[in-house]
C-alpha atoms as a PDB file:
ATOM      1  CA  MET A   1      59.234  68.468 167.733  1.00  0.00           C
ATOM      2  CA  SER A   2      61.114  70.314 170.673  1.00  0.00           C
ATOM      3  CA  GLY A   3      64.515  68.924 171.301  1.00  0.00           C
ATOM      4  CA  LYS A   4      63.593  68.948 174.904  1.00  0.00           C
ATOM      5  CA  GLU A   5      60.706  66.690 174.450  1.00  0.00           C
ATOM      6  CA  LYS A   6      61.048  63.488 176.495  1.00  0.00           C
ATOM      7  CA  THR A   7      61.633  60.001 175.077  1.00  0.00           C
ATOM      8  CA  ALA A   8      59.001  57.517 176.543  1.00  0.00           C
ATOM      9  CA  ARG A   9      60.289  55.006 178.975  1.00  0.00           C
ATOM     10  CA  PRO A  10      60.048  51.585 177.858  1.00  0.00           C
ATOM     11  CA  LYS A  11      57.356  49.739 180.191  1.00  0.00           C
ATOM     12  CA  LYS A  12      58.780  47.047 182.860  1.00  0.00           C
ATOM     13  CA  ALA A  13      57.769  43.541 181.771  1.00  0.00           C
ATOM     14  CA  THR A  14      54.921  42.239 184.412  1.00  0.00           C
ATOM     15  CA  THR A  15      53.697  38.994 185.059  1.00  0.00           C
ATOM     16  CA  SER A  16      50.999  37.323 187.260  1.00  0.00           C
ATOM     17  CA  PHE A  17      51.536  36.627 191.213  1.00  0.00           C
ATOM     18  CA  GLY A  18      48.343  34.878 191.856  1.00  0.00           C
ATOM     19  CA  TYR A  19      45.868  37.600 190.738  1.00  0.00           C
ATOM     20  CA  ARG A  20      48.385  40.592 191.007  1.00  0.00           C
ATOM     21  CA  ASP A  21      50.502  41.953 188.370  1.00  0.00           C
ATOM     22  CA  VAL A  22      54.060  42.361 189.396  1.00  0.00           C
ATOM     23  CA  PRO A  23      57.469  43.104 187.816  1.00  0.00           C
ATOM     24  CA  GLU A  24      58.796  40.311 186.440  1.00  0.00           C
ATOM     25  CA  GLU A  25      62.213  40.537 188.121  1.00  0.00           C
ATOM     26  CA  LYS A  26      60.333  40.551 191.467  1.00  0.00           C
ATOM     27  CA  ARG A  27      58.030  37.385 191.231  1.00  0.00           C
ATOM     28  CA  GLN A  28      60.661  34.925 192.004  1.00  0.00           C
ATOM     29  CA  ASP A  29      61.645  36.913 195.391  1.00  0.00           C
ATOM     30  CA  LEU A  30      57.536  37.032 196.109  1.00  0.00           C
ATOM     31  CA  VAL A  31      57.400  33.106 195.417  1.00  0.00           C
ATOM     32  CA  ASN A  32      60.300  32.562 197.456  1.00  0.00           C
ATOM     33  CA  ASP A  33      58.971  34.639 200.419  1.00  0.00           C
ATOM     34  CA  VAL A  34      55.900  32.460 200.116  1.00  0.00           C
ATOM     35  CA  PHE A  35      57.486  28.922 200.521  1.00  0.00           C
ATOM     36  CA  SER A  36      60.094  30.233 203.099  1.00  0.00           C
ATOM     37  CA  SER A  37      57.300  31.202 205.299  1.00  0.00           C
ATOM     38  CA  VAL A  38      55.121  27.714 204.761  1.00  0.00           C
ATOM     39  CA  ALA A  39      58.390  25.204 204.638  1.00  0.00           C
ATOM     40  CA  ASN A  40      58.282  23.807 208.009  1.00  0.00           C
ATOM     41  CA  ARG A  41      54.602  23.067 207.970  1.00  0.00           C
ATOM     42  CA  TYR A  42      54.325  22.535 204.300  1.00  0.00           C
ATOM     43  CA  ASP A  43      53.900  18.777 204.183  1.00  0.00           C
ATOM     44  CA  VAL A  44      51.375  18.635 206.992  1.00  0.00           C
ATOM     45  CA  MET A  45      49.389  21.277 204.858  1.00  0.00           C
ATOM     46  CA  ASN A  46      49.423  19.304 201.852  1.00  0.00           C
ATOM     47  CA  ASP A  47      47.839  16.294 203.770  1.00  0.00           C
ATOM     48  CA  ALA A  48      45.086  18.522 205.235  1.00  0.00           C
ATOM     49  CA  MET A  49      44.316  20.598 202.177  1.00  0.00           C
ATOM     50  CA  SER A  50      43.942  17.642 199.897  1.00  0.00           C
ATOM     51  CA  GLY A  51      42.668  14.773 202.374  1.00  0.00           C
ATOM     52  CA  GLY A  52      45.687  12.904 201.788  1.00  0.00           C
ATOM     53  CA  LEU A  53      44.954  12.746 198.297  1.00  0.00           C
ATOM     54  CA  HIS A  54      48.400  14.342 197.027  1.00  0.00           C
ATOM     55  CA  ARG A  55      49.820  11.047 198.072  1.00  0.00           C
ATOM     56  CA  LEU A  56      47.855   8.975 195.545  1.00  0.00           C
ATOM     57  CA  TRP A  57      48.761  11.704 192.887  1.00  0.00           C
ATOM     58  CA  LYS A  58      52.450  11.437 193.634  1.00  0.00           C
ATOM     59  CA  ASN A  59      52.272   7.541 193.672  1.00  0.00           C
ATOM     60  CA  HIS A  60      50.750   7.892 190.357  1.00  0.00           C
ATOM     61  CA  LEU A  61      53.778   9.811 189.157  1.00  0.00           C
ATOM     62  CA  ILE A  62      55.920   7.274 190.726  1.00  0.00           C
ATOM     63  CA  ASN A  63      54.212   4.565 188.741  1.00  0.00           C
ATOM     64  CA  ARG A  64      54.340   6.372 185.418  1.00  0.00           C
ATOM     65  CA  LEU A  65      58.088   6.873 185.970  1.00  0.00           C
ATOM     66  CA  ARG A  66      58.906   3.047 186.626  1.00  0.00           C
ATOM     67  CA  PRO A  67      61.962   3.384 189.214  1.00  0.00           C
ATOM     68  CA  LYS A  68      64.786   0.985 188.319  1.00  0.00           C
ATOM     69  CA  PRO A  69      68.254   0.552 189.488  1.00  0.00           C
ATOM     70  CA  GLY A  70      70.829   2.943 188.016  1.00  0.00           C
ATOM     71  CA  LEU A  71      68.169   5.297 186.901  1.00  0.00           C
ATOM     72  CA  ALA A  72      69.577   8.999 187.251  1.00  0.00           C
ATOM     73  CA  LEU A  73      66.410  11.195 188.502  1.00  0.00           C
ATOM     74  CA  LEU A  74      66.447  14.918 188.851  1.00  0.00           C
ATOM     75  CA  ASP A  75      63.371  16.039 190.947  1.00  0.00           C
ATOM     76  CA  VAL A  76      62.817  19.948 190.468  1.00  0.00           C
ATOM     77  CA  ALA A  77      61.125  22.091 192.834  1.00  0.00           C
ATOM     78  CA  GLY A  78      61.240  19.064 195.158  1.00  0.00           C
ATOM     79  CA  GLY A  79      62.799  20.521 198.508  1.00  0.00           C
ATOM     80  CA  THR A  80      60.966  18.642 201.113  1.00  0.00           C
ATOM     81  CA  GLY A  81      61.652  15.462 199.454  1.00  0.00           C
ATOM     82  CA  ASP A  82      58.346  13.708 198.937  1.00  0.00           C
ATOM     83  CA  ILE A  83      59.142  12.644 195.299  1.00  0.00           C
ATOM     84  CA  ALA A  84      62.658  11.526 196.002  1.00  0.00           C
ATOM     85  CA  PHE A  85      61.576   9.270 199.131  1.00  0.00           C
ATOM     86  CA  ARG A  86      58.741   7.868 196.857  1.00  0.00           C
ATOM     87  CA  PHE A  87      61.483   7.052 194.282  1.00  0.00           C
ATOM     88  CA  LEU A  88      63.970   5.450 196.630  1.00  0.00           C
ATOM     89  CA  GLU A  89      61.086   3.318 198.445  1.00  0.00           C
ATOM     90  CA  ALA A  90      60.241   1.990 195.020  1.00  0.00           C
ATOM     91  CA  LEU A  91      63.656   0.730 194.365  1.00  0.00           C
ATOM     92  CA  GLY A  92      63.662  -0.992 197.598  1.00  0.00           C
ATOM     93  CA  ASN A  93      67.140  -2.579 198.278  1.00  0.00           C
ATOM     94  CA  ASP A  94      68.563  -1.334 195.426  1.00  0.00           C
ATOM     95  CA  PRO A  95      72.302  -2.925 194.963  1.00  0.00           C
ATOM     96  CA  ALA A  96      73.595  -0.405 192.824  1.00  0.00           C
ATOM     97  CA  PRO A  97      76.735   1.323 194.240  1.00  0.00           C
ATOM     98  CA  LYS A  98      75.619   4.786 192.665  1.00  0.00           C
ATOM     99  CA  VAL A  99      75.344   7.397 195.452  1.00  0.00           C
ATOM    100  CA  PRO A 100      73.382   9.512 195.362  1.00  0.00           C
ATOM    101  CA  LYS A 101      70.351   7.607 193.523  1.00  0.00           C
ATOM    102  CA  VAL A 102      68.135  10.776 193.277  1.00  0.00           C
ATOM    103  CA  THR A 103      69.245  14.821 192.960  1.00  0.00           C
ATOM    104  CA  VAL A 104      66.733  17.273 194.276  1.00  0.00           C
ATOM    105  CA  CYS A 105      66.839  20.922 193.086  1.00  0.00           C
ATOM    106  CA  ASP A 106      65.036  23.553 194.713  1.00  0.00           C
ATOM    107  CA  ILE A 107      65.605  27.298 194.344  1.00  0.00           C
ATOM    108  CA  ASN A 108      64.281  27.707 198.265  1.00  0.00           C
ATOM    109  CA  PRO A 109      66.986  26.926 201.077  1.00  0.00           C
ATOM    110  CA  GLU A 110      64.299  26.544 203.682  1.00  0.00           C
ATOM    111  CA  MET A 111      62.567  23.842 201.693  1.00  0.00           C
ATOM    112  CA  LEU A 112      65.993  21.976 201.229  1.00  0.00           C
ATOM    113  CA  ASP A 113      66.672  22.209 204.896  1.00  0.00           C
ATOM    114  CA  VAL A 114      63.281  20.479 205.689  1.00  0.00           C
ATOM    115  CA  GLY A 115      63.981  18.177 202.957  1.00  0.00           C
ATOM    116  CA  ARG A 116      67.497  17.264 204.534  1.00  0.00           C
ATOM    117  CA  GLY A 117      66.006  16.562 207.980  1.00  0.00           C
ATOM    118  CA  ARG A 118      63.408  14.409 206.414  1.00  0.00           C
ATOM    119  CA  ALA A 119      65.898  12.371 204.683  1.00  0.00           C
ATOM    120  CA  MET A 120      68.020  11.958 208.022  1.00  0.00           C
ATOM    121  CA  ASP A 121      65.160  10.690 209.768  1.00  0.00           C
ATOM    122  CA  ARG A 122      64.250   8.176 206.884  1.00  0.00           C
ATOM    123  CA  GLY A 123      67.865   6.821 206.510  1.00  0.00           C
ATOM    124  CA  PHE A 124      68.230   8.415 203.053  1.00  0.00           C
ATOM    125  CA  TRP A 125      70.988  10.836 203.876  1.00  0.00           C
ATOM    126  CA  LYS A 126      73.549   8.868 201.586  1.00  0.00           C
ATOM    127  CA  ASP A 127      70.801   8.612 198.575  1.00  0.00           C
ATOM    128  CA  ILE A 128      69.956  11.983 198.086  1.00  0.00           C
ATOM    129  CA  GLU A 129      72.061  15.018 196.491  1.00  0.00           C
ATOM    130  CA  TRP A 130      70.572  18.416 197.536  1.00  0.00           C
ATOM    131  CA  VAL A 131      71.105  21.397 195.088  1.00  0.00           C
ATOM    132  CA  GLU A 132      69.950  24.844 195.227  1.00  0.00           C
ATOM    133  CA  GLY A 133      69.083  26.053 191.973  1.00  0.00           C
ATOM    134  CA  ASN A 134      66.737  27.700 189.657  1.00  0.00           C
ATOM    135  CA  ALA A 135      64.220  25.579 187.246  1.00  0.00           C
ATOM    136  CA  GLU A 136      64.736  28.101 184.731  1.00  0.00           C
ATOM    137  CA  LYS A 137      68.785  27.819 184.468  1.00  0.00           C
ATOM    138  CA  LEU A 138      69.243  24.170 186.051  1.00  0.00           C
ATOM    139  CA  PRO A 139      72.972  23.972 187.199  1.00  0.00           C
ATOM    140  CA  PHE A 140      73.619  20.622 185.660  1.00  0.00           C
ATOM    141  CA  GLU A 141      75.340  19.932 182.347  1.00  0.00           C
ATOM    142  CA  ASP A 142      73.577  18.534 179.155  1.00  0.00           C
ATOM    143  CA  ASN A 143      72.312  15.216 178.751  1.00  0.00           C
ATOM    144  CA  ARG A 144      73.224  13.881 182.253  1.00  0.00           C
ATOM    145  CA  PHE A 145      69.643  12.755 183.611  1.00  0.00           C
ATOM    146  CA  ASP A 146      67.643   9.675 182.674  1.00  0.00           C
ATOM    147  CA  ALA A 147      64.338  11.350 184.095  1.00  0.00           C
ATOM    148  CA  VAL A 148      63.412  14.940 185.518  1.00  0.00           C
ATOM    149  CA  THR A 149      60.494  15.164 187.433  1.00  0.00           C
ATOM    150  CA  ILE A 150      58.526  18.199 189.081  1.00  0.00           C
ATOM    151  CA  ALA A 151      55.409  17.888 191.356  1.00  0.00           C
ATOM    152  CA  PHE A 152      53.292  20.942 192.038  1.00  0.00           C
ATOM    153  CA  GLY A 153      56.205  23.409 191.377  1.00  0.00           C
ATOM    154  CA  ILE A 154      56.128  24.545 187.827  1.00  0.00           C
ATOM    155  CA  ARG A 155      53.135  26.898 188.317  1.00  0.00           C
ATOM    156  CA  ASN A 156      55.358  28.852 190.733  1.00  0.00           C
ATOM    157  CA  VAL A 157      58.151  29.294 187.921  1.00  0.00           C
ATOM    158  CA  THR A 158      58.165  32.984 186.249  1.00  0.00           C
ATOM    159  CA  HIS A 159      58.775  31.591 182.653  1.00  0.00           C
ATOM    160  CA  ILE A 160      57.392  28.216 182.527  1.00  0.00           C
ATOM    161  CA  GLU A 161      58.663  27.627 178.911  1.00  0.00           C
ATOM    162  CA  LYS A 162      62.349  28.344 180.096  1.00  0.00           C
ATOM    163  CA  ALA A 163      61.963  25.633 182.816  1.00  0.00           C
ATOM    164  CA  VAL A 164      60.246  22.993 180.378  1.00  0.00           C
ATOM    165  CA  ALA A 165      63.454  23.522 177.897  1.00  0.00           C
ATOM    166  CA  GLU A 166      65.863  23.398 180.586  1.00  0.00           C
ATOM    167  CA  ALA A 167      64.425  19.927 181.779  1.00  0.00           C
ATOM    168  CA  HIS A 168      64.698  18.963 177.886  1.00  0.00           C
ATOM    169  CA  ARG A 169      68.410  20.211 177.945  1.00  0.00           C
ATOM    170  CA  VAL A 170      69.581  18.016 181.061  1.00  0.00           C
ATOM    171  CA  LEU A 171      67.893  14.956 179.856  1.00  0.00           C
ATOM    172  CA  LYS A 172      69.681  12.130 178.141  1.00  0.00           C
ATOM    173  CA  PRO A 173      68.144  11.152 174.992  1.00  0.00           C
ATOM    174  CA  GLY A 174      65.528   8.452 175.568  1.00  0.00           C
ATOM    175  CA  GLY A 175      64.702  10.230 179.174  1.00  0.00           C
ATOM    176  CA  LYS A 176      61.382  11.117 180.460  1.00  0.00           C
ATOM    177  CA  TYR A 177      59.926  14.035 181.879  1.00  0.00           C
ATOM    178  CA  LEU A 178      57.056  14.011 184.046  1.00  0.00           C
ATOM    179  CA  VAL A 179      55.135  17.151 185.338  1.00  0.00           C
ATOM    180  CA  LEU A 180      52.387  16.914 188.051  1.00  0.00           C
ATOM    181  CA  GLU A 181      50.145  20.083 188.372  1.00  0.00           C
ATOM    182  CA  PHE A 182      46.893  21.289 189.747  1.00  0.00           C
ATOM    183  CA  SER A 183      44.378  22.163 186.996  1.00  0.00           C
ATOM    184  CA  SER A 184      41.316  24.411 186.741  1.00  0.00           C
ATOM    185  CA  THR A 185      38.909  21.639 186.053  1.00  0.00           C
ATOM    186  CA  THR A 186      35.800  22.396 183.229  1.00  0.00           C
ATOM    187  CA  VAL A 187      33.624  19.818 184.909  1.00  0.00           C
ATOM    188  CA  PRO A 188      30.561  21.852 186.305  1.00  0.00           C
ATOM    189  CA  MET A 189      29.914  20.403 189.425  1.00  0.00           C
ATOM    190  CA  ILE A 190      33.506  19.356 190.255  1.00  0.00           C
ATOM    191  CA  ARG A 191      34.714  22.925 189.496  1.00  0.00           C
ATOM    192  CA  ASP A 192      31.992  24.701 191.409  1.00  0.00           C
ATOM    193  CA  ILE A 193      33.034  22.455 194.665  1.00  0.00           C
ATOM    194  CA  TYR A 194      36.442  23.010 193.725  1.00  0.00           C
ATOM    195  CA  ASP A 195      36.419  26.835 193.425  1.00  0.00           C
ATOM    196  CA  TRP A 196      34.370  27.335 196.735  1.00  0.00           C
ATOM    197  CA  TYR A 197      36.829  24.929 198.761  1.00  0.00           C
ATOM    198  CA  SER A 198      39.882  26.595 197.298  1.00  0.00           C
ATOM    199  CA  PHE A 199      39.083  30.375 197.794  1.00  0.00           C
ATOM    200  CA  ASN A 200      36.689  29.723 201.478  1.00  0.00           C
ATOM    201  CA  VAL A 201      38.706  26.847 203.196  1.00  0.00           C
ATOM    202  CA  ILE A 202      42.080  26.562 201.932  1.00  0.00           C
ATOM    203  CA  PRO A 203      43.445  29.995 203.056  1.00  0.00           C
ATOM    204  CA  LYS A 204      41.813  29.918 206.357  1.00  0.00           C
ATOM    205  CA  MET A 205      43.370  26.243 206.620  1.00  0.00           C
ATOM    206  CA  GLY A 206      46.701  28.036 205.569  1.00  0.00           C
ATOM    207  CA  LYS A 207      46.115  30.527 208.634  1.00  0.00           C
ATOM    208  CA  ALA A 208      45.353  27.867 211.176  1.00  0.00           C
ATOM    209  CA  ILE A 209      48.133  25.326 210.173  1.00  0.00           C
ATOM    210  CA  THR A 210      50.978  27.757 209.035  1.00  0.00           C
ATOM    211  CA  ASP A 211      49.898  31.145 210.206  1.00  0.00           C
ATOM    212  CA  ASP A 212      49.905  32.417 207.080  1.00  0.00           C
ATOM    213  CA  GLU A 213      46.606  32.739 204.901  1.00  0.00           C
ATOM    214  CA  ALA A 214      48.048  35.194 202.414  1.00  0.00           C
ATOM    215  CA  SER A 215      50.696  32.553 201.161  1.00  0.00           C
ATOM    216  CA  TYR A 216      47.699  30.028 200.376  1.00  0.00           C
ATOM    217  CA  GLN A 217      45.455  32.601 198.976  1.00  0.00           C
ATOM    218  CA  TYR A 218      48.295  33.095 196.348  1.00  0.00           C
ATOM    219  CA  LEU A 219      48.926  29.353 195.787  1.00  0.00           C
ATOM    220  CA  VAL A 220      44.883  29.054 195.027  1.00  0.00           C
ATOM    221  CA  GLU A 221      45.086  31.915 192.757  1.00  0.00           C
ATOM    222  CA  SER A 222      48.248  30.734 190.920  1.00  0.00           C
ATOM    223  CA  ILE A 223      46.566  27.597 190.065  1.00  0.00           C
ATOM    224  CA  ARG A 224      43.693  29.518 187.955  1.00  0.00           C
ATOM    225  CA  LYS A 225      46.770  31.339 186.185  1.00  0.00           C
ATOM    226  CA  PHE A 226      48.551  28.307 185.124  1.00  0.00           C
ATOM    227  CA  PRO A 227      47.822  27.500 181.408  1.00  0.00           C
ATOM    228  CA  ALA A 228      45.182  25.319 180.225  1.00  0.00           C
ATOM    229  CA  PRO A 229      46.218  21.610 179.865  1.00  0.00           C
ATOM    230  CA  LYS A 230      46.277  21.817 175.838  1.00  0.00           C
ATOM    231  CA  VAL A 231      48.381  25.145 176.158  1.00  0.00           C
ATOM    232  CA  PHE A 232      50.898  23.516 178.612  1.00  0.00           C
ATOM    233  CA  GLU A 233      51.162  20.350 176.107  1.00  0.00           C
ATOM    234  CA  GLY A 234      51.992  22.744 173.686  1.00  0.00           C
ATOM    235  CA  TYR A 235      55.134  24.145 175.612  1.00  0.00           C
ATOM    236  CA  LEU A 236      56.220  20.182 176.131  1.00  0.00           C
ATOM    237  CA  LYS A 237      55.929  19.820 172.091  1.00  0.00           C
ATOM    238  CA  LYS A 238      57.682  23.224 171.442  1.00  0.00           C
ATOM    239  CA  ALA A 239      60.702  22.124 173.953  1.00  0.00           C
ATOM    240  CA  GLY A 240      60.825  19.022 171.719  1.00  0.00           C
ATOM    241  CA  PHE A 241      59.572  16.136 173.843  1.00  0.00           C
ATOM    242  CA  LYS A 242      57.819  13.640 171.678  1.00  0.00           C
ATOM    243  CA  ARG A 243      54.782  11.119 172.652  1.00  0.00           C
ATOM    244  CA  VAL A 244      53.434  13.882 175.060  1.00  0.00           C
ATOM    245  CA  PHE A 245      50.704  12.657 176.963  1.00  0.00           C
ATOM    246  CA  LYS A 246      48.365  13.838 180.126  1.00  0.00           C
ATOM    247  CA  ASP A 247      46.704  12.136 182.790  1.00  0.00           C
ATOM    248  CA  GLN A 248      43.741  13.902 184.288  1.00  0.00           C
ATOM    249  CA  LEU A 249      43.291  12.891 187.910  1.00  0.00           C
ATOM    250  CA  ALA A 250      40.293  13.659 190.236  1.00  0.00           C
ATOM    251  CA  GLY A 251      38.101  15.009 187.789  1.00  0.00           C
ATOM    252  CA  GLY A 252      40.578  17.234 186.283  1.00  0.00           C
ATOM    253  CA  VAL A 253      41.512  18.922 189.249  1.00  0.00           C
ATOM    254  CA  VAL A 254      45.060  17.450 188.859  1.00  0.00           C
ATOM    255  CA  THR A 255      47.067  16.724 185.585  1.00  0.00           C
ATOM    256  CA  LEU A 256      50.244  14.413 185.188  1.00  0.00           C
ATOM    257  CA  TYR A 257      51.982  15.716 181.906  1.00  0.00           C
ATOM    258  CA  GLY A 258      54.717  13.742 180.395  1.00  0.00           C
ATOM    259  CA  GLY A 259      57.018  13.180 177.126  1.00  0.00           C
ATOM    260  CA  TRP A 260      60.502  11.964 176.027  1.00  0.00           C
ATOM    261  CA  LYS A 261      63.463  13.328 174.855  1.00  0.00           C
ATOM    262  CA  VAL A 262      64.312  11.568 171.756  1.00  0.00           C
END
């Protein structure tokens, strides 16, 4: 073999961005671009494309969480504040002096800016700590929170298993982890309607409401690339969560996953 023969270069790792394969190191920037583009109209679009059902699904998460005074909650990828506000509303007139009562961590500064503005409007400006950070490397110490939630955000994480492991790390023993995410339903009639609506209506709705069709094309594709419920349950168990469960909602279109750190 000639000494001049070139050594083959190792292939760069790739991952999915919707139906496209992209270099792993570029995916997070692409996801950030999506949410920076739609941040100001994100919640309006959620109402429009779900017919308001996302509110019921998030309320189901809060019911499973069982908010109580003094519970330290971390909501990951919750920049616009939807879960945080529901948590605080469920607490009502909480006499506990702890401030803030909930921490929101999101990697996207534009989404956090929207959340801060909404918190001011609702009178929650003292009750929430807003932190810019990556779900795969949370900027918090071990065993800090009583509960960690993430609603419709984990499918946008490049390394899902790392995000699950990080949630386990920052939870106190006895803490609860809740993940609300879209699923690819296997119920034939629902699946056919869901697929038609997702690919033919949602991107066009995104164009009309946010002037961004491409971002919502990615979002509907990302749902189909997300692991099946049994696979995601396996990630929870591998990270160390116990008493893992799943609540399948809307015929399997949405699933709430949960588990406890012991």
